[in-house]
Amino acid sequence: MALPFFGVLVACGLAWMKLRMIAVWVVIATIALTLFLFRYHATSAIDINL
């Protein structure tokens, strides 16, 4: 679940280096990754054995 944070960090670095369009695409990819991870984790069953 740390991947979205790394994506935003990369996008900030790209924006700082004046590569703004690439940074925008990295942010869009990061949002898509976050939604995918949320869907995967929110719909998976929790197997708890007590």
PDB file of N, CA and C in Angstrom:
ATOM      1  N   MET A   1       0.809  -1.202   0.000  1.00  0.00           N
ATOM      2  CA  MET A   1       0.000   0.000   0.000  1.00  0.00           C
ATOM      3  C   MET A   1       0.855   1.269   0.000  1.00  0.00           C
ATOM      4  N   ALA A   2       2.150   1.107  -0.024  1.00  0.00           N
ATOM      5  CA  ALA A   2       3.027   2.275  -0.064  1.00  0.00           C
ATOM      6  C   ALA A   2       3.231   2.785  -1.488  1.00  0.00           C
ATOM      7  N   LEU A   3       2.832   2.002  -2.479  1.00  0.00           N
ATOM      8  CA  LEU A   3       3.053   2.397  -3.876  1.00  0.00           C
ATOM      9  C   LEU A   3       2.421   3.739  -4.245  1.00  0.00           C
ATOM     10  N   PRO A   4       1.196   4.051  -3.801  1.00  0.00           N
ATOM     11  CA  PRO A   4       0.649   5.372  -4.140  1.00  0.00           C
ATOM     12  C   PRO A   4       1.500   6.528  -3.611  1.00  0.00           C
ATOM     13  N   PHE A   5       2.090   6.360  -2.434  1.00  0.00           N
ATOM     14  CA  PHE A   5       2.933   7.420  -1.886  1.00  0.00           C
ATOM     15  C   PHE A   5       4.205   7.593  -2.710  1.00  0.00           C
ATOM     16  N   PHE A   6       4.780   6.491  -3.167  1.00  0.00           N
ATOM     17  CA  PHE A   6       5.956   6.588  -4.024  1.00  0.00           C
ATOM     18  C   PHE A   6       5.602   7.222  -5.372  1.00  0.00           C
ATOM     19  N   GLY A   7       4.409   6.926  -5.887  1.00  0.00           N
ATOM     20  CA  GLY A   7       3.967   7.536  -7.142  1.00  0.00           C
ATOM     21  C   GLY A   7       3.843   9.042  -7.026  1.00  0.00           C
ATOM     22  N   VAL A   8       3.289   9.505  -5.921  1.00  0.00           N
ATOM     23  CA  VAL A   8       3.156  10.949  -5.704  1.00  0.00           C
ATOM     24  C   VAL A   8       4.534  11.579  -5.509  1.00  0.00           C
ATOM     25  N   LEU A   9       5.424  10.886  -4.831  1.00  0.00           N
ATOM     26  CA  LEU A   9       6.782  11.399  -4.650  1.00  0.00           C
ATOM     27  C   LEU A   9       7.496  11.536  -5.995  1.00  0.00           C
ATOM     28  N   VAL A  10       7.351  10.547  -6.858  1.00  0.00           N
ATOM     29  CA  VAL A  10       7.947  10.614  -8.198  1.00  0.00           C
ATOM     30  C   VAL A  10       7.327  11.760  -8.995  1.00  0.00           C
ATOM     31  N   ALA A  11       6.012  11.920  -8.894  1.00  0.00           N
ATOM     32  CA  ALA A  11       5.342  13.006  -9.615  1.00  0.00           C
ATOM     33  C   ALA A  11       5.823  14.369  -9.128  1.00  0.00           C
ATOM     34  N   CYS A  12       6.024  14.515  -7.829  1.00  0.00           N
ATOM     35  CA  CYS A  12       6.539  15.785  -7.302  1.00  0.00           C
ATOM     36  C   CYS A  12       7.953  16.049  -7.814  1.00  0.00           C
ATOM     37  N   GLY A  13       8.776  15.018  -7.865  1.00  0.00           N
ATOM     38  CA  GLY A  13      10.123  15.179  -8.394  1.00  0.00           C
ATOM     39  C   GLY A  13      10.118  15.558  -9.862  1.00  0.00           C
ATOM     40  N   LEU A  14       9.240  14.934 -10.624  1.00  0.00           N
ATOM     41  CA  LEU A  14       9.143  15.270 -12.048  1.00  0.00           C
ATOM     42  C   LEU A  14       8.649  16.702 -12.247  1.00  0.00           C
ATOM     43  N   ALA A  15       7.680  17.122 -11.440  1.00  0.00           N
ATOM     44  CA  ALA A  15       7.177  18.496 -11.553  1.00  0.00           C
ATOM     45  C   ALA A  15       8.264  19.495 -11.173  1.00  0.00           C
ATOM     46  N   TRP A  16       9.077  19.138 -10.206  1.00  0.00           N
ATOM     47  CA  TRP A  16      10.163  20.015  -9.783  1.00  0.00           C
ATOM     48  C   TRP A  16      11.214  20.156 -10.876  1.00  0.00           C
ATOM     49  N   MET A  17      11.385  19.099 -11.679  1.00  0.00           N
ATOM     50  CA  MET A  17      12.346  19.136 -12.781  1.00  0.00           C
ATOM     51  C   MET A  17      11.715  19.678 -14.068  1.00  0.00           C
ATOM     52  N   LYS A  18      10.554  20.299 -13.949  1.00  0.00           N
ATOM     53  CA  LYS A  18       9.851  20.944 -15.071  1.00  0.00           C
ATOM     54  C   LYS A  18       9.314  19.954 -16.099  1.00  0.00           C
ATOM     55  N   LEU A  19       9.077  18.714 -15.696  1.00  0.00           N
ATOM     56  CA  LEU A  19       8.476  17.702 -16.573  1.00  0.00           C
ATOM     57  C   LEU A  19       7.021  17.516 -16.152  1.00  0.00           C
ATOM     58  N   ARG A  20       6.244  18.577 -16.330  1.00  0.00           N
ATOM     59  CA  ARG A  20       4.908  18.628 -15.753  1.00  0.00           C
ATOM     60  C   ARG A  20       3.924  17.652 -16.393  1.00  0.00           C
ATOM     61  N   MET A  21       3.973  17.464 -17.693  1.00  0.00           N
ATOM     62  CA  MET A  21       3.017  16.546 -18.331  1.00  0.00           C
ATOM     63  C   MET A  21       3.278  15.101 -17.910  1.00  0.00           C
ATOM     64  N   ILE A  22       4.533  14.739 -17.786  1.00  0.00           N
ATOM     65  CA  ILE A  22       4.846  13.391 -17.307  1.00  0.00           C
ATOM     66  C   ILE A  22       4.380  13.240 -15.865  1.00  0.00           C
ATOM     67  N   ALA A  23       4.540  14.301 -15.066  1.00  0.00           N
ATOM     68  CA  ALA A  23       4.083  14.269 -13.678  1.00  0.00           C
ATOM     69  C   ALA A  23       2.571  14.092 -13.601  1.00  0.00           C
ATOM     70  N   VAL A  24       1.844  14.740 -14.493  1.00  0.00           N
ATOM     71  CA  VAL A  24       0.382  14.590 -14.510  1.00  0.00           C
ATOM     72  C   VAL A  24       0.005  13.149 -14.827  1.00  0.00           C
ATOM     73  N   TRP A  25       0.690  12.534 -15.782  1.00  0.00           N
ATOM     74  CA  TRP A  25       0.392  11.139 -16.125  1.00  0.00           C
ATOM     75  C   TRP A  25       0.768  10.193 -14.989  1.00  0.00           C
ATOM     76  N   VAL A  26       1.820  10.503 -14.276  1.00  0.00           N
ATOM     77  CA  VAL A  26       2.186   9.676 -13.119  1.00  0.00           C
ATOM     78  C   VAL A  26       1.124   9.800 -12.034  1.00  0.00           C
ATOM     79  N   VAL A  27       0.589  10.995 -11.828  1.00  0.00           N
ATOM     80  CA  VAL A  27      -0.487  11.178 -10.845  1.00  0.00           C
ATOM     81  C   VAL A  27      -1.731  10.405 -11.271  1.00  0.00           C
ATOM     82  N   ILE A  28      -2.070  10.450 -12.546  1.00  0.00           N
ATOM     83  CA  ILE A  28      -3.236   9.701 -13.034  1.00  0.00           C
ATOM     84  C   ILE A  28      -3.020   8.203 -12.844  1.00  0.00           C
ATOM     85  N   ALA A  29      -1.824   7.721 -13.153  1.00  0.00           N
ATOM     86  CA  ALA A  29      -1.518   6.301 -12.945  1.00  0.00           C
ATOM     87  C   ALA A  29      -1.553   5.945 -11.463  1.00  0.00           C
ATOM     88  N   THR A  30      -1.111   6.856 -10.609  1.00  0.00           N
ATOM     89  CA  THR A  30      -1.140   6.617  -9.168  1.00  0.00           C
ATOM     90  C   THR A  30      -2.567   6.537  -8.653  1.00  0.00           C
ATOM     91  N   ILE A  31      -3.438   7.394  -9.161  1.00  0.00           N
ATOM     92  CA  ILE A  31      -4.851   7.342  -8.763  1.00  0.00           C
ATOM     93  C   ILE A  31      -5.472   6.025  -9.215  1.00  0.00           C
ATOM     94  N   ALA A  32      -5.168   5.606 -10.437  1.00  0.00           N
ATOM     95  CA  ALA A  32      -5.699   4.329 -10.930  1.00  0.00           C
ATOM     96  C   ALA A  32      -5.177   3.168 -10.084  1.00  0.00           C
ATOM     97  N   LEU A  33      -3.900   3.204  -9.720  1.00  0.00           N
ATOM     98  CA  LEU A  33      -3.326   2.161  -8.871  1.00  0.00           C
ATOM     99  C   LEU A  33      -3.988   2.148  -7.497  1.00  0.00           C
ATOM    100  N   THR A  34      -4.240   3.325  -6.936  1.00  0.00           N
ATOM    101  CA  THR A  34      -4.898   3.414  -5.635  1.00  0.00           C
ATOM    102  C   THR A  34      -6.297   2.830  -5.694  1.00  0.00           C
ATOM    103  N   LEU A  35      -7.041   3.139  -6.744  1.00  0.00           N
ATOM    104  CA  LEU A  35      -8.391   2.588  -6.885  1.00  0.00           C
ATOM    105  C   LEU A  35      -8.354   1.075  -7.060  1.00  0.00           C
ATOM    106  N   PHE A  36      -7.378   0.573  -7.822  1.00  0.00           N
ATOM    107  CA  PHE A  36      -7.240  -0.874  -7.993  1.00  0.00           C
ATOM    108  C   PHE A  36      -6.910  -1.552  -6.669  1.00  0.00           C
ATOM    109  N   LEU A  37      -5.957  -0.991  -5.927  1.00  0.00           N
ATOM    110  CA  LEU A  37      -5.589  -1.582  -4.640  1.00  0.00           C
ATOM    111  C   LEU A  37      -6.753  -1.540  -3.658  1.00  0.00           C
ATOM    112  N   PHE A  38      -7.502  -0.441  -3.655  1.00  0.00           N
ATOM    113  CA  PHE A  38      -8.657  -0.358  -2.766  1.00  0.00           C
ATOM    114  C   PHE A  38      -9.693  -1.403  -3.137  1.00  0.00           C
ATOM    115  N   ARG A  39      -9.951  -1.552  -4.425  1.00  0.00           N
ATOM    116  CA  ARG A  39     -10.941  -2.547  -4.849  1.00  0.00           C
ATOM    117  C   ARG A  39     -10.483  -3.963  -4.493  1.00  0.00           C
ATOM    118  N   TYR A  40      -9.197  -4.230  -4.685  1.00  0.00           N
ATOM    119  CA  TYR A  40      -8.667  -5.564  -4.383  1.00  0.00           C
ATOM    120  C   TYR A  40      -8.735  -5.852  -2.882  1.00  0.00           C
ATOM    121  N   HIS A  41      -8.340  -4.886  -2.068  1.00  0.00           N
ATOM    122  CA  HIS A  41      -8.310  -5.108  -0.626  1.00  0.00           C
ATOM    123  C   HIS A  41      -9.688  -4.996   0.011  1.00  0.00           C
ATOM    124  N   ALA A  42     -10.551  -4.162  -0.525  1.00  0.00           N
ATOM    125  CA  ALA A  42     -11.874  -3.982   0.074  1.00  0.00           C
ATOM    126  C   ALA A  42     -12.794  -5.154  -0.232  1.00  0.00           C
ATOM    127  N   THR A  43     -12.526  -5.885  -1.304  1.00  0.00           N
ATOM    128  CA  THR A  43     -13.412  -6.989  -1.671  1.00  0.00           C
ATOM    129  C   THR A  43     -12.850  -8.352  -1.291  1.00  0.00           C
ATOM    130  N   SER A  44     -11.632  -8.397  -0.753  1.00  0.00           N
ATOM    131  CA  SER A  44     -11.070  -9.694  -0.372  1.00  0.00           C
ATOM    132  C   SER A  44     -11.614 -10.111   0.993  1.00  0.00           C
ATOM    133  N   ALA A  45     -11.788 -11.399   1.152  1.00  0.00           N
ATOM    134  CA  ALA A  45     -12.308 -11.925   2.412  1.00  0.00           C
ATOM    135  C   ALA A  45     -11.194 -11.974   3.452  1.00  0.00           C
ATOM    136  N   ILE A  46     -11.573 -11.685   4.679  1.00  0.00           N
ATOM    137  CA  ILE A  46     -10.622 -11.757   5.780  1.00  0.00           C
ATOM    138  C   ILE A  46     -10.769 -13.127   6.429  1.00  0.00           C
ATOM    139  N   ASP A  47      -9.703 -13.895   6.395  1.00  0.00           N
ATOM    140  CA  ASP A  47      -9.716 -15.246   6.956  1.00  0.00           C
ATOM    141  C   ASP A  47      -9.084 -15.202   8.344  1.00  0.00           C
ATOM    142  N   ILE A  48      -9.933 -15.191   9.361  1.00  0.00           N
ATOM    143  CA  ILE A  48      -9.459 -15.129  10.741  1.00  0.00           C
ATOM    144  C   ILE A  48      -9.772 -16.458  11.411  1.00  0.00           C
ATOM    145  N   ASN A  49      -8.738 -17.123  11.876  1.00  0.00           N
ATOM    146  CA  ASN A  49      -8.902 -18.384  12.608  1.00  0.00           C
ATOM    147  C   ASN A  49      -8.562 -18.145  14.070  1.00  0.00           C
ATOM    148  N   LEU A  50      -9.552 -18.296  14.920  1.00  0.00           N
ATOM    149  CA  LEU A  50      -9.313 -18.110  16.356  1.00  0.00           C
ATOM    150  C   LEU A  50      -9.250 -19.430  17.063  1.00  0.00           C
TER     151      LEU A  50
END
